[in-house]
Amino acid sequence: TGFQNCRTCHDLSKMKNDQHPDVAAFHAV
């Protein structure tokens, strides 16, 4: 399913972590 159930809760385009900005940048890929 392309891990659709994961992606339904976790929108990788909207991840934001001010303390660890590299985390959002990594997942955006």
mmCIF file of all heavy atoms, coordinates in Angstrom:
data_MODEL
# 
_entry.id   MODEL 
# 
loop_
_atom_site.group_PDB 
_atom_site.id 
_atom_site.type_symbol 
_atom_site.label_atom_id 
_atom_site.label_alt_id 
_atom_site.label_comp_id 
_atom_site.label_asym_id 
_atom_site.label_entity_id 
_atom_site.label_seq_id 
_atom_site.pdbx_PDB_ins_code 
_atom_site.Cartn_x 
_atom_site.Cartn_y 
_atom_site.Cartn_z 
_atom_site.occupancy 
_atom_site.B_iso_or_equiv 
_atom_site.pdbx_formal_charge 
_atom_site.auth_seq_id 
_atom_site.auth_comp_id 
_atom_site.auth_asym_id 
_atom_site.auth_atom_id 
_atom_site.pdbx_PDB_model_num 
ATOM 1   N N   . THR A 1 1  ? 0.821  -1.222 0.000  1.00 0.00 ? 1  THR A N   1 
ATOM 2   C CA  . THR A 1 1  ? 0.000  0.000  0.000  1.00 0.00 ? 1  THR A CA  1 
ATOM 3   C C   . THR A 1 1  ? 0.852  1.268  0.000  1.00 0.00 ? 1  THR A C   1 
ATOM 4   O O   . THR A 1 1  ? 0.312  2.367  0.072  1.00 0.00 ? 1  THR A O   1 
ATOM 5   C CB  . THR A 1 1  ? -0.926 0.041  1.236  1.00 0.00 ? 1  THR A CB  1 
ATOM 6   O OG1 . THR A 1 1  ? -0.129 0.225  2.423  1.00 0.00 ? 1  THR A OG1 1 
ATOM 7   C CG2 . THR A 1 1  ? -1.730 -1.235 1.359  1.00 0.00 ? 1  THR A CG2 1 
ATOM 8   N N   . GLY A 1 2  ? 2.192  1.095  -0.060 1.00 0.00 ? 2  GLY A N   1 
ATOM 9   C CA  . GLY A 1 2  ? 3.068  2.267  0.038  1.00 0.00 ? 2  GLY A CA  1 
ATOM 10  C C   . GLY A 1 2  ? 3.079  2.835  1.442  1.00 0.00 ? 2  GLY A C   1 
ATOM 11  O O   . GLY A 1 2  ? 3.296  4.031  1.626  1.00 0.00 ? 2  GLY A O   1 
ATOM 12  N N   . PHE A 1 3  ? 2.833  1.965  2.434  1.00 0.00 ? 3  PHE A N   1 
ATOM 13  C CA  . PHE A 1 3  ? 2.765  2.364  3.843  1.00 0.00 ? 3  PHE A CA  1 
ATOM 14  C C   . PHE A 1 3  ? 1.754  3.510  4.038  1.00 0.00 ? 3  PHE A C   1 
ATOM 15  O O   . PHE A 1 3  ? 2.001  4.481  4.740  1.00 0.00 ? 3  PHE A O   1 
ATOM 16  C CB  . PHE A 1 3  ? 4.149  2.765  4.370  1.00 0.00 ? 3  PHE A CB  1 
ATOM 17  C CG  . PHE A 1 3  ? 5.058  1.589  4.550  1.00 0.00 ? 3  PHE A CG  1 
ATOM 18  C CD1 . PHE A 1 3  ? 5.786  1.093  3.479  1.00 0.00 ? 3  PHE A CD1 1 
ATOM 19  C CD2 . PHE A 1 3  ? 5.155  0.933  5.765  1.00 0.00 ? 3  PHE A CD2 1 
ATOM 20  C CE1 . PHE A 1 3  ? 6.602  -0.026 3.624  1.00 0.00 ? 3  PHE A CE1 1 
ATOM 21  C CE2 . PHE A 1 3  ? 5.972  -0.183 5.927  1.00 0.00 ? 3  PHE A CE2 1 
ATOM 22  C CZ  . PHE A 1 3  ? 6.701  -0.657 4.849  1.00 0.00 ? 3  PHE A CZ  1 
ATOM 23  N N   . GLN A 1 4  ? 0.598  3.323  3.378  1.00 0.00 ? 4  GLN A N   1 
ATOM 24  C CA  . GLN A 1 4  ? -0.437 4.349  3.391  1.00 0.00 ? 4  GLN A CA  1 
ATOM 25  C C   . GLN A 1 4  ? -0.968 4.633  4.792  1.00 0.00 ? 4  GLN A C   1 
ATOM 26  O O   . GLN A 1 4  ? -1.272 5.780  5.125  1.00 0.00 ? 4  GLN A O   1 
ATOM 27  C CB  . GLN A 1 4  ? -1.594 3.943  2.472  1.00 0.00 ? 4  GLN A CB  1 
ATOM 28  C CG  . GLN A 1 4  ? -2.635 5.037  2.263  1.00 0.00 ? 4  GLN A CG  1 
ATOM 29  C CD  . GLN A 1 4  ? -2.029 6.308  1.704  1.00 0.00 ? 4  GLN A CD  1 
ATOM 30  O OE1 . GLN A 1 4  ? -1.276 6.264  0.741  1.00 0.00 ? 4  GLN A OE1 1 
ATOM 31  N NE2 . GLN A 1 4  ? -2.345 7.455  2.302  1.00 0.00 ? 4  GLN A NE2 1 
ATOM 32  N N   . ASN A 1 5  ? -1.095 3.585  5.615  1.00 0.00 ? 5  ASN A N   1 
ATOM 33  C CA  . ASN A 1 5  ? -1.607 3.824  6.961  1.00 0.00 ? 5  ASN A CA  1 
ATOM 34  C C   . ASN A 1 5  ? -0.652 4.705  7.760  1.00 0.00 ? 5  ASN A C   1 
ATOM 35  O O   . ASN A 1 5  ? -1.083 5.544  8.555  1.00 0.00 ? 5  ASN A O   1 
ATOM 36  C CB  . ASN A 1 5  ? -1.835 2.495  7.687  1.00 0.00 ? 5  ASN A CB  1 
ATOM 37  C CG  . ASN A 1 5  ? -3.099 1.803  7.232  1.00 0.00 ? 5  ASN A CG  1 
ATOM 38  O OD1 . ASN A 1 5  ? -3.306 1.622  6.041  1.00 0.00 ? 5  ASN A OD1 1 
ATOM 39  N ND2 . ASN A 1 5  ? -3.951 1.411  8.155  1.00 0.00 ? 5  ASN A ND2 1 
ATOM 40  N N   . CYS A 1 6  ? 0.646  4.513  7.561  1.00 0.00 ? 6  CYS A N   1 
ATOM 41  C CA  . CYS A 1 6  ? 1.629  5.373  8.231  1.00 0.00 ? 6  CYS A CA  1 
ATOM 42  C C   . CYS A 1 6  ? 1.483  6.805  7.726  1.00 0.00 ? 6  CYS A C   1 
ATOM 43  O O   . CYS A 1 6  ? 1.466  7.769  8.508  1.00 0.00 ? 6  CYS A O   1 
ATOM 44  C CB  . CYS A 1 6  ? 3.056  4.892  7.956  1.00 0.00 ? 6  CYS A CB  1 
ATOM 45  S SG  . CYS A 1 6  ? 3.424  3.217  8.516  1.00 0.00 ? 6  CYS A SG  1 
ATOM 46  N N   . ARG A 1 7  ? 1.379  6.951  6.410  1.00 0.00 ? 7  ARG A N   1 
ATOM 47  C CA  . ARG A 1 7  ? 1.350  8.270  5.784  1.00 0.00 ? 7  ARG A CA  1 
ATOM 48  C C   . ARG A 1 7  ? 0.042  9.027  6.051  1.00 0.00 ? 7  ARG A C   1 
ATOM 49  O O   . ARG A 1 7  ? 0.009  10.251 5.983  1.00 0.00 ? 7  ARG A O   1 
ATOM 50  C CB  . ARG A 1 7  ? 1.570  8.132  4.278  1.00 0.00 ? 7  ARG A CB  1 
ATOM 51  C CG  . ARG A 1 7  ? 2.978  7.641  3.917  1.00 0.00 ? 7  ARG A CG  1 
ATOM 52  C CD  . ARG A 1 7  ? 3.103  7.352  2.426  1.00 0.00 ? 7  ARG A CD  1 
ATOM 53  N NE  . ARG A 1 7  ? 4.423  6.882  2.080  1.00 0.00 ? 7  ARG A NE  1 
ATOM 54  C CZ  . ARG A 1 7  ? 5.451  7.670  1.768  1.00 0.00 ? 7  ARG A CZ  1 
ATOM 55  N NH1 . ARG A 1 7  ? 5.294  8.985  1.758  1.00 0.00 ? 7  ARG A NH1 1 
ATOM 56  N NH2 . ARG A 1 7  ? 6.618  7.157  1.448  1.00 0.00 ? 7  ARG A NH2 1 
ATOM 57  N N   . THR A 1 8  ? -1.033 8.286  6.344  1.00 0.00 ? 8  THR A N   1 
ATOM 58  C CA  . THR A 1 8  ? -2.296 8.962  6.651  1.00 0.00 ? 8  THR A CA  1 
ATOM 59  C C   . THR A 1 8  ? -2.175 9.772  7.943  1.00 0.00 ? 8  THR A C   1 
ATOM 60  O O   . THR A 1 8  ? -2.727 10.872 8.048  1.00 0.00 ? 8  THR A O   1 
ATOM 61  C CB  . THR A 1 8  ? -3.435 7.936  6.788  1.00 0.00 ? 8  THR A CB  1 
ATOM 62  O OG1 . THR A 1 8  ? -3.596 7.246  5.547  1.00 0.00 ? 8  THR A OG1 1 
ATOM 63  C CG2 . THR A 1 8  ? -4.752 8.615  7.146  1.00 0.00 ? 8  THR A CG2 1 
ATOM 64  N N   . CYS A 1 9  ? -1.434 9.235  8.919  1.00 0.00 ? 9  CYS A N   1 
ATOM 65  C CA  . CYS A 1 9  ? -1.221 9.957  10.180 1.00 0.00 ? 9  CYS A CA  1 
ATOM 66  C C   . CYS A 1 9  ? -0.012 10.899 10.097 1.00 0.00 ? 9  CYS A C   1 
ATOM 67  O O   . CYS A 1 9  ? -0.038 11.995 10.656 1.00 0.00 ? 9  CYS A O   1 
ATOM 68  C CB  . CYS A 1 9  ? -1.005 8.972  11.330 1.00 0.00 ? 9  CYS A CB  1 
ATOM 69  S SG  . CYS A 1 9  ? -2.490 8.104  11.854 1.00 0.00 ? 9  CYS A SG  1 
ATOM 70  N N   . HIS A 1 10 ? 1.031  10.436 9.423  1.00 0.00 ? 10 HIS A N   1 
ATOM 71  C CA  . HIS A 1 10 ? 2.282  11.198 9.364  1.00 0.00 ? 10 HIS A CA  1 
ATOM 72  C C   . HIS A 1 10 ? 2.449  11.827 7.984  1.00 0.00 ? 10 HIS A C   1 
ATOM 73  O O   . HIS A 1 10 ? 2.897  11.161 7.048  1.00 0.00 ? 10 HIS A O   1 
ATOM 74  C CB  . HIS A 1 10 ? 3.476  10.289 9.666  1.00 0.00 ? 10 HIS A CB  1 
ATOM 75  C CG  . HIS A 1 10 ? 3.397  9.601  10.993 1.00 0.00 ? 10 HIS A CG  1 
ATOM 76  N ND1 . HIS A 1 10 ? 3.766  10.209 12.173 1.00 0.00 ? 10 HIS A ND1 1 
ATOM 77  C CD2 . HIS A 1 10 ? 2.986  8.350  11.332 1.00 0.00 ? 10 HIS A CD2 1 
ATOM 78  C CE1 . HIS A 1 10 ? 3.589  9.372  13.176 1.00 0.00 ? 10 HIS A CE1 1 
ATOM 79  N NE2 . HIS A 1 10 ? 3.115  8.240  12.698 1.00 0.00 ? 10 HIS A NE2 1 
ATOM 80  N N   . ASP A 1 11 ? 2.091  13.091 7.871  1.00 0.00 ? 11 ASP A N   1 
ATOM 81  C CA  . ASP A 1 11 ? 2.264  13.824 6.611  1.00 0.00 ? 11 ASP A CA  1 
ATOM 82  C C   . ASP A 1 11 ? 3.696  14.350 6.566  1.00 0.00 ? 11 ASP A C   1 
ATOM 83  O O   . ASP A 1 11 ? 4.042  15.321 7.245  1.00 0.00 ? 11 ASP A O   1 
ATOM 84  C CB  . ASP A 1 11 ? 1.262  14.974 6.533  1.00 0.00 ? 11 ASP A CB  1 
ATOM 85  C CG  . ASP A 1 11 ? 1.258  15.655 5.169  1.00 0.00 ? 11 ASP A CG  1 
ATOM 86  O OD1 . ASP A 1 11 ? 2.269  15.536 4.442  1.00 0.00 ? 11 ASP A OD1 1 
ATOM 87  O OD2 . ASP A 1 11 ? 0.257  16.308 4.841  1.00 0.00 ? 11 ASP A OD2 1 
ATOM 88  N N   . LEU A 1 12 ? 4.540  13.711 5.764  1.00 0.00 ? 12 LEU A N   1 
ATOM 89  C CA  . LEU A 1 12 ? 5.964  14.050 5.754  1.00 0.00 ? 12 LEU A CA  1 
ATOM 90  C C   . LEU A 1 12 ? 6.229  15.467 5.262  1.00 0.00 ? 12 LEU A C   1 
ATOM 91  O O   . LEU A 1 12 ? 7.266  16.053 5.578  1.00 0.00 ? 12 LEU A O   1 
ATOM 92  C CB  . LEU A 1 12 ? 6.732  13.046 4.874  1.00 0.00 ? 12 LEU A CB  1 
ATOM 93  C CG  . LEU A 1 12 ? 6.611  11.576 5.294  1.00 0.00 ? 12 LEU A CG  1 
ATOM 94  C CD1 . LEU A 1 12 ? 7.515  10.699 4.435  1.00 0.00 ? 12 LEU A CD1 1 
ATOM 95  C CD2 . LEU A 1 12 ? 6.958  11.393 6.769  1.00 0.00 ? 12 LEU A CD2 1 
ATOM 96  N N   . SER A 1 13 ? 5.291  16.027 4.499  1.00 0.00 ? 13 SER A N   1 
ATOM 97  C CA  . SER A 1 13 ? 5.474  17.394 4.002  1.00 0.00 ? 13 SER A CA  1 
ATOM 98  C C   . SER A 1 13 ? 5.203  18.445 5.070  1.00 0.00 ? 13 SER A C   1 
ATOM 99  O O   . SER A 1 13 ? 5.517  19.618 4.892  1.00 0.00 ? 13 SER A O   1 
ATOM 100 C CB  . SER A 1 13 ? 4.559  17.644 2.804  1.00 0.00 ? 13 SER A CB  1 
ATOM 101 O OG  . SER A 1 13 ? 3.191  17.617 3.204  1.00 0.00 ? 13 SER A OG  1 
ATOM 102 N N   . LYS A 1 14 ? 4.620  18.010 6.191  1.00 0.00 ? 14 LYS A N   1 
ATOM 103 C CA  . LYS A 1 14 ? 4.266  18.962 7.258  1.00 0.00 ? 14 LYS A CA  1 
ATOM 104 C C   . LYS A 1 14 ? 5.041  18.715 8.547  1.00 0.00 ? 14 LYS A C   1 
ATOM 105 O O   . LYS A 1 14 ? 4.702  19.262 9.595  1.00 0.00 ? 14 LYS A O   1 
ATOM 106 C CB  . LYS A 1 14 ? 2.762  18.884 7.538  1.00 0.00 ? 14 LYS A CB  1 
ATOM 107 C CG  . LYS A 1 14 ? 1.908  19.316 6.357  1.00 0.00 ? 14 LYS A CG  1 
ATOM 108 C CD  . LYS A 1 14 ? 0.422  19.238 6.674  1.00 0.00 ? 14 LYS A CD  1 
ATOM 109 C CE  . LYS A 1 14 ? -0.405 19.680 5.479  1.00 0.00 ? 14 LYS A CE  1 
ATOM 110 N NZ  . LYS A 1 14 ? -1.865 19.591 5.758  1.00 0.00 ? 14 LYS A NZ  1 
ATOM 111 N N   . MET A 1 15 ? 6.087  17.899 8.457  1.00 0.00 ? 15 MET A N   1 
ATOM 112 C CA  . MET A 1 15 ? 6.895  17.646 9.648  1.00 0.00 ? 15 MET A CA  1 
ATOM 113 C C   . MET A 1 15 ? 7.681  18.896 10.025 1.00 0.00 ? 15 MET A C   1 
ATOM 114 O O   . MET A 1 15 ? 8.218  19.596 9.165  1.00 0.00 ? 15 MET A O   1 
ATOM 115 C CB  . MET A 1 15 ? 7.853  16.486 9.408  1.00 0.00 ? 15 MET A CB  1 
ATOM 116 C CG  . MET A 1 15 ? 7.177  15.137 9.305  1.00 0.00 ? 15 MET A CG  1 
ATOM 117 S SD  . MET A 1 15 ? 8.363  13.772 9.160  1.00 0.00 ? 15 MET A SD  1 
ATOM 118 C CE  . MET A 1 15 ? 9.073  13.777 10.817 1.00 0.00 ? 15 MET A CE  1 
ATOM 119 N N   . LYS A 1 16 ? 7.755  19.173 11.335 1.00 0.00 ? 16 LYS A N   1 
ATOM 120 C CA  . LYS A 1 16 ? 8.474  20.360 11.807 1.00 0.00 ? 16 LYS A CA  1 
ATOM 121 C C   . LYS A 1 16 ? 9.019  20.077 13.203 1.00 0.00 ? 16 LYS A C   1 
ATOM 122 O O   . LYS A 1 16 ? 8.289  19.659 14.083 1.00 0.00 ? 16 LYS A O   1 
ATOM 123 C CB  . LYS A 1 16 ? 7.551  21.583 11.841 1.00 0.00 ? 16 LYS A CB  1 
ATOM 124 C CG  . LYS A 1 16 ? 8.251  22.889 12.184 1.00 0.00 ? 16 LYS A CG  1 
ATOM 125 C CD  . LYS A 1 16 ? 7.253  24.047 12.102 1.00 0.00 ? 16 LYS A CD  1 
ATOM 126 C CE  . LYS A 1 16 ? 7.927  25.391 12.319 1.00 0.00 ? 16 LYS A CE  1 
ATOM 127 N NZ  . LYS A 1 16 ? 8.448  25.558 13.681 1.00 0.00 ? 16 LYS A NZ  1 
ATOM 128 N N   . ASN A 1 17 ? 10.314 20.268 13.352 1.00 0.00 ? 17 ASN A N   1 
ATOM 129 C CA  . ASN A 1 17 ? 10.955 20.069 14.641 1.00 0.00 ? 17 ASN A CA  1 
ATOM 130 C C   . ASN A 1 17 ? 12.049 21.117 14.776 1.00 0.00 ? 17 ASN A C   1 
ATOM 131 O O   . ASN A 1 17 ? 13.131 20.983 14.198 1.00 0.00 ? 17 ASN A O   1 
ATOM 132 C CB  . ASN A 1 17 ? 11.540 18.652 14.733 1.00 0.00 ? 17 ASN A CB  1 
ATOM 133 C CG  . ASN A 1 17 ? 12.022 18.313 16.136 1.00 0.00 ? 17 ASN A CG  1 
ATOM 134 O OD1 . ASN A 1 17 ? 12.547 19.172 16.843 1.00 0.00 ? 17 ASN A OD1 1 
ATOM 135 N ND2 . ASN A 1 17 ? 11.849 17.057 16.537 1.00 0.00 ? 17 ASN A ND2 1 
ATOM 136 N N   . ASP A 1 18 ? 11.736 22.170 15.529 1.00 0.00 ? 18 ASP A N   1 
ATOM 137 C CA  . ASP A 1 18 ? 12.675 23.287 15.644 1.00 0.00 ? 18 ASP A CA  1 
ATOM 138 C C   . ASP A 1 18 ? 13.985 22.880 16.314 1.00 0.00 ? 18 ASP A C   1 
ATOM 139 O O   . ASP A 1 18 ? 15.042 23.439 16.025 1.00 0.00 ? 18 ASP A O   1 
ATOM 140 C CB  . ASP A 1 18 ? 12.030 24.442 16.422 1.00 0.00 ? 18 ASP A CB  1 
ATOM 141 C CG  . ASP A 1 18 ? 10.880 25.072 15.654 1.00 0.00 ? 18 ASP A CG  1 
ATOM 142 O OD1 . ASP A 1 18 ? 10.922 25.036 14.408 1.00 0.00 ? 18 ASP A OD1 1 
ATOM 143 O OD2 . ASP A 1 18 ? 9.931  25.572 16.296 1.00 0.00 ? 18 ASP A OD2 1 
ATOM 144 N N   . GLN A 1 19 ? 13.915 21.931 17.221 1.00 0.00 ? 19 GLN A N   1 
ATOM 145 C CA  . GLN A 1 19 ? 15.125 21.487 17.915 1.00 0.00 ? 19 GLN A CA  1 
ATOM 146 C C   . GLN A 1 19 ? 15.985 20.583 17.042 1.00 0.00 ? 19 GLN A C   1 
ATOM 147 O O   . GLN A 1 19 ? 17.206 20.565 17.175 1.00 0.00 ? 19 GLN A O   1 
ATOM 148 C CB  . GLN A 1 19 ? 14.751 20.755 19.214 1.00 0.00 ? 19 GLN A CB  1 
ATOM 149 C CG  . GLN A 1 19 ? 14.097 21.661 20.254 1.00 0.00 ? 19 GLN A CG  1 
ATOM 150 C CD  . GLN A 1 19 ? 13.778 20.915 21.541 1.00 0.00 ? 19 GLN A CD  1 
ATOM 151 O OE1 . GLN A 1 19 ? 13.601 19.694 21.525 1.00 0.00 ? 19 GLN A OE1 1 
ATOM 152 N NE2 . GLN A 1 19 ? 13.690 21.634 22.637 1.00 0.00 ? 19 GLN A NE2 1 
ATOM 153 N N   . HIS A 1 20 ? 15.321 19.835 16.164 1.00 0.00 ? 20 HIS A N   1 
ATOM 154 C CA  . HIS A 1 20 ? 16.048 18.933 15.269 1.00 0.00 ? 20 HIS A CA  1 
ATOM 155 C C   . HIS A 1 20 ? 15.517 19.095 13.843 1.00 0.00 ? 20 HIS A C   1 
ATOM 156 O O   . HIS A 1 20 ? 14.823 18.220 13.322 1.00 0.00 ? 20 HIS A O   1 
ATOM 157 C CB  . HIS A 1 20 ? 15.889 17.479 15.730 1.00 0.00 ? 20 HIS A CB  1 
ATOM 158 C CG  . HIS A 1 20 ? 16.355 17.232 17.127 1.00 0.00 ? 20 HIS A CG  1 
ATOM 159 N ND1 . HIS A 1 20 ? 17.686 17.167 17.477 1.00 0.00 ? 20 HIS A ND1 1 
ATOM 160 C CD2 . HIS A 1 20 ? 15.655 17.061 18.284 1.00 0.00 ? 20 HIS A CD2 1 
ATOM 161 C CE1 . HIS A 1 20 ? 17.797 16.944 18.771 1.00 0.00 ? 20 HIS A CE1 1 
ATOM 162 N NE2 . HIS A 1 20 ? 16.580 16.886 19.293 1.00 0.00 ? 20 HIS A NE2 1 
ATOM 163 N N   . PRO A 1 21 ? 15.834 20.209 13.192 1.00 0.00 ? 21 PRO A N   1 
ATOM 164 C CA  . PRO A 1 21 ? 15.307 20.471 11.846 1.00 0.00 ? 21 PRO A CA  1 
ATOM 165 C C   . PRO A 1 21 ? 15.771 19.446 10.814 1.00 0.00 ? 21 PRO A C   1 
ATOM 166 O O   . PRO A 1 21 ? 15.115 19.262 9.782  1.00 0.00 ? 21 PRO A O   1 
ATOM 167 C CB  . PRO A 1 21 ? 15.842 21.866 11.521 1.00 0.00 ? 21 PRO A CB  1 
ATOM 168 C CG  . PRO A 1 21 ? 17.025 22.042 12.430 1.00 0.00 ? 21 PRO A CG  1 
ATOM 169 C CD  . PRO A 1 21 ? 16.680 21.300 13.676 1.00 0.00 ? 21 PRO A CD  1 
ATOM 170 N N   . ASP A 1 22 ? 16.877 18.779 11.080 1.00 0.00 ? 22 ASP A N   1 
ATOM 171 C CA  . ASP A 1 22 ? 17.390 17.786 10.142 1.00 0.00 ? 22 ASP A CA  1 
ATOM 172 C C   . ASP A 1 22 ? 16.449 16.585 10.024 1.00 0.00 ? 22 ASP A C   1 
ATOM 173 O O   . ASP A 1 22 ? 16.436 15.892 9.003  1.00 0.00 ? 22 ASP A O   1 
ATOM 174 C CB  . ASP A 1 22 ? 18.786 17.327 10.561 1.00 0.00 ? 22 ASP A CB  1 
ATOM 175 C CG  . ASP A 1 22 ? 18.814 16.812 11.993 1.00 0.00 ? 22 ASP A CG  1 
ATOM 176 O OD1 . ASP A 1 22 ? 18.251 17.496 12.869 1.00 0.00 ? 22 ASP A OD1 1 
ATOM 177 O OD2 . ASP A 1 22 ? 19.399 15.739 12.239 1.00 0.00 ? 22 ASP A OD2 1 
ATOM 178 N N   . VAL A 1 23 ? 15.656 16.336 11.081 1.00 0.00 ? 23 VAL A N   1 
ATOM 179 C CA  . VAL A 1 23 ? 14.721 15.207 11.055 1.00 0.00 ? 23 VAL A CA  1 
ATOM 180 C C   . VAL A 1 23 ? 13.658 15.422 9.977  1.00 0.00 ? 23 VAL A C   1 
ATOM 181 O O   . VAL A 1 23 ? 13.374 14.533 9.177  1.00 0.00 ? 23 VAL A O   1 
ATOM 182 C CB  . VAL A 1 23 ? 14.053 15.018 12.429 1.00 0.00 ? 23 VAL A CB  1 
ATOM 183 C CG1 . VAL A 1 23 ? 12.957 13.948 12.349 1.00 0.00 ? 23 VAL A CG1 1 
ATOM 184 C CG2 . VAL A 1 23 ? 15.093 14.633 13.472 1.00 0.00 ? 23 VAL A CG2 1 
ATOM 185 N N   . ALA A 1 24 ? 13.076 16.620 9.951  1.00 0.00 ? 24 ALA A N   1 
ATOM 186 C CA  . ALA A 1 24 ? 12.065 16.935 8.944  1.00 0.00 ? 24 ALA A CA  1 
ATOM 187 C C   . ALA A 1 24 ? 12.670 16.930 7.548  1.00 0.00 ? 24 ALA A C   1 
ATOM 188 O O   . ALA A 1 24 ? 12.060 16.435 6.589  1.00 0.00 ? 24 ALA A O   1 
ATOM 189 C CB  . ALA A 1 24 ? 11.438 18.294 9.249  1.00 0.00 ? 24 ALA A CB  1 
ATOM 190 N N   . ALA A 1 25 ? 13.881 17.458 7.419  1.00 0.00 ? 25 ALA A N   1 
ATOM 191 C CA  . ALA A 1 25 ? 14.550 17.502 6.120  1.00 0.00 ? 25 ALA A CA  1 
ATOM 192 C C   . ALA A 1 25 ? 14.824 16.090 5.606  1.00 0.00 ? 25 ALA A C   1 
ATOM 193 O O   . ALA A 1 25 ? 14.667 15.799 4.409  1.00 0.00 ? 25 ALA A O   1 
ATOM 194 C CB  . ALA A 1 25 ? 15.858 18.289 6.241  1.00 0.00 ? 25 ALA A CB  1 
ATOM 195 N N   . PHE A 1 26 ? 15.212 15.205 6.507  1.00 0.00 ? 26 PHE A N   1 
ATOM 196 C CA  . PHE A 1 26 ? 15.489 13.817 6.125  1.00 0.00 ? 26 PHE A CA  1 
ATOM 197 C C   . PHE A 1 26 ? 14.222 13.125 5.629  1.00 0.00 ? 26 PHE A C   1 
ATOM 198 O O   . PHE A 1 26 ? 14.221 12.444 4.598  1.00 0.00 ? 26 PHE A O   1 
ATOM 199 C CB  . PHE A 1 26 ? 16.070 13.055 7.326  1.00 0.00 ? 26 PHE A CB  1 
ATOM 200 C CG  . PHE A 1 26 ? 16.218 11.580 7.103  1.00 0.00 ? 26 PHE A CG  1 
ATOM 201 C CD1 . PHE A 1 26 ? 17.289 11.087 6.384  1.00 0.00 ? 26 PHE A CD1 1 
ATOM 202 C CD2 . PHE A 1 26 ? 15.274 10.690 7.601  1.00 0.00 ? 26 PHE A CD2 1 
ATOM 203 C CE1 . PHE A 1 26 ? 17.422 9.718  6.165  1.00 0.00 ? 26 PHE A CE1 1 
ATOM 204 C CE2 . PHE A 1 26 ? 15.403 9.328  7.397  1.00 0.00 ? 26 PHE A CE2 1 
ATOM 205 C CZ  . PHE A 1 26 ? 16.483 8.840  6.667  1.00 0.00 ? 26 PHE A CZ  1 
ATOM 206 N N   . HIS A 1 27 ? 13.116 13.296 6.359  1.00 0.00 ? 27 HIS A N   1 
ATOM 207 C CA  . HIS A 1 27 ? 11.872 12.618 5.978  1.00 0.00 ? 27 HIS A CA  1 
ATOM 208 C C   . HIS A 1 27 ? 11.244 13.223 4.728  1.00 0.00 ? 27 HIS A C   1 
ATOM 209 O O   . HIS A 1 27 ? 10.506 12.523 4.009  1.00 0.00 ? 27 HIS A O   1 
ATOM 210 C CB  . HIS A 1 27 ? 10.871 12.668 7.138  1.00 0.00 ? 27 HIS A CB  1 
ATOM 211 C CG  . HIS A 1 27 ? 11.173 11.698 8.235  1.00 0.00 ? 27 HIS A CG  1 
ATOM 212 N ND1 . HIS A 1 27 ? 12.067 11.971 9.230  1.00 0.00 ? 27 HIS A ND1 1 
ATOM 213 C CD2 . HIS A 1 27 ? 10.710 10.442 8.483  1.00 0.00 ? 27 HIS A CD2 1 
ATOM 214 C CE1 . HIS A 1 27 ? 12.137 10.948 10.062 1.00 0.00 ? 27 HIS A CE1 1 
ATOM 215 N NE2 . HIS A 1 27 ? 11.334 9.999  9.630  1.00 0.00 ? 27 HIS A NE2 1 
ATOM 216 N N   . ALA A 1 28 ? 11.509 14.502 4.463  1.00 0.00 ? 28 ALA A N   1 
ATOM 217 C CA  . ALA A 1 28 ? 10.930 15.146 3.282  1.00 0.00 ? 28 ALA A CA  1 
ATOM 218 C C   . ALA A 1 28 ? 11.378 14.466 1.992  1.00 0.00 ? 28 ALA A C   1 
ATOM 219 O O   . ALA A 1 28 ? 10.667 14.486 0.979  1.00 0.00 ? 28 ALA A O   1 
ATOM 220 C CB  . ALA A 1 28 ? 11.316 16.622 3.259  1.00 0.00 ? 28 ALA A CB  1 
ATOM 221 N N   . VAL A 1 29 ? 12.533 13.836 2.029  1.00 0.00 ? 29 VAL A N   1 
ATOM 222 C CA  . VAL A 1 29 ? 13.053 13.122 0.864  1.00 0.00 ? 29 VAL A CA  1 
ATOM 223 C C   . VAL A 1 29 ? 12.121 11.990 0.457  1.00 0.00 ? 29 VAL A C   1 
ATOM 224 O O   . VAL A 1 29 ? 11.998 11.644 -0.724 1.00 0.00 ? 29 VAL A O   1 
ATOM 225 C CB  . VAL A 1 29 ? 14.469 12.565 1.164  1.00 0.00 ? 29 VAL A CB  1 
ATOM 226 C CG1 . VAL A 1 29 ? 14.973 11.726 0.000  1.00 0.00 ? 29 VAL A CG1 1 
ATOM 227 C CG2 . VAL A 1 29 ? 15.437 13.698 1.470  1.00 0.00 ? 29 VAL A CG2 1 
# 
